[in-house]
Amino acid sequence: MRSHEGVHELLNGETVLVSGGSTSKITSGTITPVRAAAVDNLPDLLKRAEHLVTHEDKRGSNDVKGVHRLAAYMKLGDRTVPVKFTVKEYNRPEPSMGGQTMKLYHVEEMEVG
């Protein structure tokens, strides 16, 4: 599996950060061939993902503006596989972006199936 750490673009033009922590979360557990393909195609899936729902952070963090569920489909041979993401939205200065205050999306979870 490839590491896709860094900043990627979403369908709506917003940016999403895939950090080492994100990579650890989305690759934890059993790595099936389908899940490995989803990780390998992560930038493309994020760019094509459609918004499903937004809710408040259940832990009540002041840093989190909202928690979003996104979904995209991935072709795998003759199958079409749904991939869902949980992405947290932050509004805070981001050191990796020169300290600029920006809306930042951070991948927290990925469900394949």
N, C-alpha and C. Protein backbone atom coordinates (compact mmCIF):
# COMPACT_ATOMS: atom_id res chain seq x y z
N MET A 1 0.84 -1.18 0.00
CA MET A 1 0.00 0.00 0.00
C MET A 1 0.88 1.24 0.00
N ARG A 2 0.43 2.22 -0.74
CA ARG A 2 1.14 3.49 -0.80
C ARG A 2 0.71 4.40 0.35
N SER A 3 1.64 5.24 0.79
CA SER A 3 1.30 6.25 1.79
C SER A 3 0.87 7.50 1.03
N HIS A 4 -0.24 8.08 1.42
CA HIS A 4 -0.73 9.29 0.76
C HIS A 4 -0.75 10.46 1.73
N GLU A 5 0.26 10.49 2.62
CA GLU A 5 0.33 11.59 3.57
C GLU A 5 0.51 12.89 2.80
N GLY A 6 -0.17 13.92 3.25
CA GLY A 6 -0.08 15.22 2.61
C GLY A 6 -1.46 15.82 2.42
N VAL A 7 -1.51 16.87 1.64
CA VAL A 7 -2.74 17.60 1.41
C VAL A 7 -3.33 17.17 0.07
N HIS A 8 -4.63 16.88 0.07
CA HIS A 8 -5.34 16.46 -1.13
C HIS A 8 -6.59 17.32 -1.29
N GLU A 9 -7.15 17.30 -2.49
CA GLU A 9 -8.33 18.12 -2.77
C GLU A 9 -9.60 17.28 -2.74
N LEU A 10 -10.66 17.87 -2.18
CA LEU A 10 -11.98 17.24 -2.19
C LEU A 10 -12.77 17.73 -3.40
N LEU A 11 -13.89 17.08 -3.66
CA LEU A 11 -14.77 17.41 -4.78
C LEU A 11 -15.16 18.90 -4.78
N ASN A 12 -15.40 19.45 -3.58
CA ASN A 12 -15.84 20.85 -3.49
C ASN A 12 -14.68 21.84 -3.48
N GLY A 13 -13.45 21.36 -3.70
CA GLY A 13 -12.30 22.24 -3.76
C GLY A 13 -11.61 22.47 -2.42
N GLU A 14 -12.22 22.01 -1.33
CA GLU A 14 -11.59 22.13 -0.02
C GLU A 14 -10.39 21.18 0.04
N THR A 15 -9.51 21.41 1.00
CA THR A 15 -8.36 20.54 1.15
C THR A 15 -8.56 19.59 2.32
N VAL A 16 -8.00 18.40 2.19
CA VAL A 16 -8.05 17.40 3.25
C VAL A 16 -6.63 16.95 3.54
N LEU A 17 -6.30 16.83 4.82
CA LEU A 17 -4.97 16.41 5.23
C LEU A 17 -5.00 14.93 5.57
N VAL A 18 -4.10 14.20 4.98
CA VAL A 18 -3.89 12.80 5.34
C VAL A 18 -2.54 12.76 6.04
N SER A 19 -2.57 12.57 7.36
CA SER A 19 -1.35 12.58 8.17
C SER A 19 -0.94 11.14 8.49
N GLY A 20 0.19 11.01 9.17
CA GLY A 20 0.61 9.70 9.62
C GLY A 20 -0.43 9.07 10.53
N GLY A 21 -1.07 9.90 11.37
CA GLY A 21 -2.14 9.40 12.25
C GLY A 21 -3.32 8.90 11.46
N SER A 22 -3.68 9.62 10.39
CA SER A 22 -4.78 9.18 9.52
C SER A 22 -4.44 7.85 8.88
N THR A 23 -3.22 7.77 8.36
CA THR A 23 -2.80 6.55 7.68
C THR A 23 -2.85 5.36 8.64
N SER A 24 -2.41 5.57 9.88
CA SER A 24 -2.46 4.50 10.87
C SER A 24 -3.90 4.07 11.15
N LYS A 25 -4.81 5.05 11.25
CA LYS A 25 -6.21 4.74 11.53
C LYS A 25 -6.85 3.97 10.39
N ILE A 26 -6.64 4.42 9.15
CA ILE A 26 -7.34 3.78 8.03
C ILE A 26 -6.69 2.47 7.59
N THR A 27 -5.49 2.19 8.08
CA THR A 27 -4.86 0.91 7.74
C THR A 27 -4.82 -0.05 8.92
N SER A 28 -5.46 0.32 10.05
CA SER A 28 -5.46 -0.57 11.20
C SER A 28 -6.44 -1.72 10.98
N GLY A 29 -6.21 -2.80 11.66
CA GLY A 29 -7.09 -3.96 11.51
C GLY A 29 -6.67 -4.82 10.34
N THR A 30 -7.57 -5.66 9.90
CA THR A 30 -7.29 -6.58 8.81
C THR A 30 -7.27 -5.82 7.48
N ILE A 31 -6.19 -5.97 6.74
CA ILE A 31 -6.07 -5.31 5.45
C ILE A 31 -6.42 -6.32 4.36
N THR A 32 -7.64 -6.23 3.87
CA THR A 32 -8.09 -7.09 2.78
C THR A 32 -7.60 -6.49 1.46
N PRO A 33 -7.60 -7.25 0.38
CA PRO A 33 -7.23 -6.68 -0.92
C PRO A 33 -8.11 -5.49 -1.31
N VAL A 34 -9.39 -5.53 -0.95
CA VAL A 34 -10.30 -4.41 -1.28
C VAL A 34 -9.90 -3.17 -0.49
N ARG A 35 -9.62 -3.33 0.80
CA ARG A 35 -9.20 -2.19 1.63
C ARG A 35 -7.87 -1.64 1.14
N ALA A 36 -6.94 -2.51 0.79
CA ALA A 36 -5.64 -2.06 0.27
C ALA A 36 -5.83 -1.25 -1.01
N ALA A 37 -6.74 -1.67 -1.89
CA ALA A 37 -7.02 -0.93 -3.12
C ALA A 37 -7.61 0.44 -2.79
N ALA A 38 -8.47 0.51 -1.78
CA ALA A 38 -9.06 1.80 -1.39
C ALA A 38 -7.98 2.74 -0.86
N VAL A 39 -7.07 2.23 -0.05
CA VAL A 39 -5.97 3.05 0.47
C VAL A 39 -5.10 3.53 -0.70
N ASP A 40 -4.80 2.63 -1.63
CA ASP A 40 -3.98 3.00 -2.78
C ASP A 40 -4.64 4.08 -3.64
N ASN A 41 -5.97 4.10 -3.67
CA ASN A 41 -6.72 5.06 -4.49
C ASN A 41 -7.26 6.22 -3.67
N LEU A 42 -6.76 6.41 -2.46
CA LEU A 42 -7.29 7.41 -1.54
C LEU A 42 -7.41 8.82 -2.14
N PRO A 43 -6.37 9.38 -2.77
CA PRO A 43 -6.54 10.75 -3.30
C PRO A 43 -7.69 10.87 -4.30
N ASP A 44 -7.81 9.91 -5.20
CA ASP A 44 -8.88 9.95 -6.19
C ASP A 44 -10.25 9.78 -5.54
N LEU A 45 -10.35 8.87 -4.57
CA LEU A 45 -11.62 8.66 -3.87
C LEU A 45 -12.05 9.91 -3.12
N LEU A 46 -11.10 10.57 -2.45
CA LEU A 46 -11.42 11.80 -1.72
C LEU A 46 -11.89 12.90 -2.68
N LYS A 47 -11.24 12.98 -3.83
CA LYS A 47 -11.60 14.03 -4.78
C LYS A 47 -13.01 13.81 -5.35
N ARG A 48 -13.43 12.56 -5.47
CA ARG A 48 -14.74 12.23 -6.02
C ARG A 48 -15.82 12.04 -4.96
N ALA A 49 -15.42 12.06 -3.69
CA ALA A 49 -16.37 11.76 -2.61
C ALA A 49 -17.48 12.80 -2.52
N GLU A 50 -18.68 12.32 -2.27
CA GLU A 50 -19.83 13.18 -2.09
C GLU A 50 -20.20 13.25 -0.61
N HIS A 51 -20.69 14.40 -0.21
CA HIS A 51 -21.06 14.63 1.19
C HIS A 51 -22.37 13.91 1.50
N LEU A 52 -22.40 13.17 2.61
CA LEU A 52 -23.61 12.47 3.05
C LEU A 52 -24.30 13.21 4.18
N VAL A 53 -23.55 13.52 5.24
CA VAL A 53 -24.15 14.13 6.43
C VAL A 53 -23.05 14.82 7.24
N THR A 54 -23.46 15.81 8.04
CA THR A 54 -22.56 16.50 8.97
C THR A 54 -23.19 16.50 10.35
N HIS A 55 -22.37 16.30 11.37
CA HIS A 55 -22.87 16.40 12.74
C HIS A 55 -21.78 17.00 13.62
N GLU A 56 -22.15 17.37 14.82
CA GLU A 56 -21.19 17.92 15.78
C GLU A 56 -20.26 16.82 16.27
N ASP A 57 -19.11 17.22 16.75
CA ASP A 57 -18.16 16.28 17.34
C ASP A 57 -18.76 15.72 18.63
N LYS A 58 -18.87 14.42 18.72
CA LYS A 58 -19.48 13.79 19.89
C LYS A 58 -18.68 14.01 21.16
N ARG A 59 -17.40 14.29 21.02
CA ARG A 59 -16.56 14.55 22.20
C ARG A 59 -16.59 16.02 22.61
N GLY A 60 -17.24 16.85 21.81
CA GLY A 60 -17.40 18.26 22.16
C GLY A 60 -16.14 19.08 22.05
N SER A 61 -15.20 18.67 21.20
CA SER A 61 -13.95 19.42 21.04
C SER A 61 -14.22 20.79 20.44
N ASN A 62 -13.62 21.82 21.04
CA ASN A 62 -13.75 23.18 20.52
C ASN A 62 -12.99 23.36 19.21
N ASP A 63 -12.00 22.49 18.95
CA ASP A 63 -11.22 22.59 17.72
C ASP A 63 -11.96 22.05 16.50
N VAL A 64 -12.97 21.23 16.74
CA VAL A 64 -13.67 20.56 15.64
C VAL A 64 -14.94 21.33 15.30
N LYS A 65 -15.00 21.83 14.08
CA LYS A 65 -16.18 22.56 13.64
C LYS A 65 -17.31 21.61 13.27
N GLY A 66 -16.98 20.45 12.70
CA GLY A 66 -17.99 19.47 12.32
C GLY A 66 -17.36 18.15 11.91
N VAL A 67 -18.15 17.10 11.95
CA VAL A 67 -17.72 15.78 11.51
C VAL A 67 -18.57 15.42 10.30
N HIS A 68 -17.91 15.11 9.20
CA HIS A 68 -18.59 14.87 7.93
C HIS A 68 -18.44 13.40 7.52
N ARG A 69 -19.50 12.88 6.93
CA ARG A 69 -19.45 11.54 6.30
C ARG A 69 -19.45 11.77 4.80
N LEU A 70 -18.49 11.19 4.13
CA LEU A 70 -18.34 11.29 2.69
C LEU A 70 -18.36 9.89 2.10
N ALA A 71 -18.74 9.78 0.83
CA ALA A 71 -18.75 8.46 0.18
C ALA A 71 -18.37 8.59 -1.28
N ALA A 72 -17.70 7.57 -1.77
CA ALA A 72 -17.33 7.46 -3.18
C ALA A 72 -17.41 5.98 -3.56
N TYR A 73 -17.42 5.72 -4.84
CA TYR A 73 -17.41 4.34 -5.34
C TYR A 73 -16.09 4.08 -6.04
N MET A 74 -15.62 2.84 -5.91
CA MET A 74 -14.36 2.42 -6.50
C MET A 74 -14.62 1.20 -7.37
N LYS A 75 -14.10 1.23 -8.60
CA LYS A 75 -14.19 0.05 -9.48
C LYS A 75 -13.03 -0.87 -9.11
N LEU A 76 -13.36 -2.14 -8.92
CA LEU A 76 -12.35 -3.14 -8.59
C LEU A 76 -12.68 -4.37 -9.43
N GLY A 77 -12.00 -4.50 -10.54
CA GLY A 77 -12.35 -5.57 -11.47
C GLY A 77 -13.74 -5.31 -12.03
N ASP A 78 -14.63 -6.29 -11.87
CA ASP A 78 -16.01 -6.10 -12.34
C ASP A 78 -16.95 -5.65 -11.22
N ARG A 79 -16.40 -5.33 -10.06
CA ARG A 79 -17.20 -4.89 -8.91
C ARG A 79 -17.14 -3.39 -8.72
N THR A 80 -18.21 -2.83 -8.19
CA THR A 80 -18.24 -1.44 -7.75
C THR A 80 -18.37 -1.48 -6.23
N VAL A 81 -17.39 -0.92 -5.55
CA VAL A 81 -17.30 -1.02 -4.10
C VAL A 81 -17.50 0.36 -3.47
N PRO A 82 -18.46 0.48 -2.52
CA PRO A 82 -18.62 1.76 -1.82
C PRO A 82 -17.52 1.96 -0.78
N VAL A 83 -17.05 3.20 -0.67
CA VAL A 83 -16.04 3.57 0.33
C VAL A 83 -16.57 4.80 1.05
N LYS A 84 -16.67 4.72 2.37
CA LYS A 84 -17.14 5.85 3.17
C LYS A 84 -16.01 6.36 4.05
N PHE A 85 -15.99 7.68 4.23
CA PHE A 85 -14.97 8.33 5.04
C PHE A 85 -15.63 9.13 6.15
N THR A 86 -14.99 9.16 7.31
CA THR A 86 -15.33 10.09 8.36
C THR A 86 -14.21 11.12 8.37
N VAL A 87 -14.58 12.39 8.20
CA VAL A 87 -13.60 13.46 8.09
C VAL A 87 -13.96 14.55 9.10
N LYS A 88 -12.99 14.94 9.93
CA LYS A 88 -13.22 16.03 10.89
C LYS A 88 -12.79 17.35 10.25
N GLU A 89 -13.60 18.37 10.45
CA GLU A 89 -13.31 19.71 9.93
C GLU A 89 -12.81 20.59 11.07
N TYR A 90 -11.64 21.15 10.87
CA TYR A 90 -11.03 22.04 11.86
C TYR A 90 -10.92 23.44 11.28
N ASN A 91 -11.05 24.44 12.09
CA ASN A 91 -10.74 25.83 11.75
C ASN A 91 -9.67 26.26 12.73
N ARG A 92 -8.44 26.18 12.31
CA ARG A 92 -7.33 26.52 13.20
C ARG A 92 -6.08 26.79 12.37
N PRO A 93 -5.09 27.45 12.96
CA PRO A 93 -3.83 27.64 12.25
C PRO A 93 -3.16 26.28 12.03
N GLU A 94 -2.67 26.04 10.86
CA GLU A 94 -2.05 24.75 10.54
C GLU A 94 -0.57 24.96 10.23
N PRO A 95 0.32 24.45 11.11
CA PRO A 95 1.76 24.64 10.90
C PRO A 95 2.25 24.14 9.54
N SER A 96 1.71 23.02 9.06
CA SER A 96 2.18 22.48 7.78
C SER A 96 1.78 23.36 6.60
N MET A 97 0.88 24.33 6.85
CA MET A 97 0.45 25.26 5.80
C MET A 97 0.95 26.67 6.11
N GLY A 98 2.09 26.76 6.78
CA GLY A 98 2.68 28.05 7.09
C GLY A 98 1.97 28.82 8.18
N GLY A 99 1.20 28.12 9.03
CA GLY A 99 0.48 28.78 10.12
C GLY A 99 -0.78 29.48 9.68
N GLN A 100 -1.12 29.38 8.40
CA GLN A 100 -2.33 30.02 7.87
C GLN A 100 -3.57 29.40 8.51
N THR A 101 -4.50 30.25 8.94
CA THR A 101 -5.76 29.73 9.46
C THR A 101 -6.62 29.34 8.28
N MET A 102 -7.04 28.11 8.28
CA MET A 102 -7.79 27.60 7.15
C MET A 102 -8.78 26.55 7.61
N LYS A 103 -9.74 26.28 6.78
CA LYS A 103 -10.64 25.17 7.02
C LYS A 103 -9.86 23.92 6.64
N LEU A 104 -9.71 23.01 7.57
CA LEU A 104 -8.89 21.84 7.34
C LEU A 104 -9.71 20.59 7.62
N TYR A 105 -9.69 19.66 6.69
CA TYR A 105 -10.38 18.39 6.85
C TYR A 105 -9.33 17.33 7.12
N HIS A 106 -9.60 16.46 8.08
CA HIS A 106 -8.64 15.43 8.48
C HIS A 106 -9.35 14.08 8.44
N VAL A 107 -8.85 13.14 7.65
CA VAL A 107 -9.45 11.81 7.54
C VAL A 107 -9.28 11.07 8.85
N GLU A 108 -10.39 10.60 9.41
CA GLU A 108 -10.36 9.88 10.69
C GLU A 108 -10.65 8.41 10.53
N GLU A 109 -11.44 8.05 9.53
CA GLU A 109 -11.88 6.66 9.41
C GLU A 109 -12.24 6.38 7.95
N MET A 110 -12.12 5.12 7.55
CA MET A 110 -12.51 4.69 6.21
C MET A 110 -13.19 3.34 6.31
N GLU A 111 -14.38 3.22 5.73
CA GLU A 111 -15.11 1.96 5.69
C GLU A 111 -15.21 1.51 4.24
N VAL A 112 -14.88 0.27 3.98
CA VAL A 112 -14.93 -0.26 2.62
C VAL A 112 -15.91 -1.42 2.60
N GLY A 113 -16.76 -1.42 1.61
CA GLY A 113 -17.60 -2.59 1.58
C GLY A 113 -18.87 -2.44 0.94
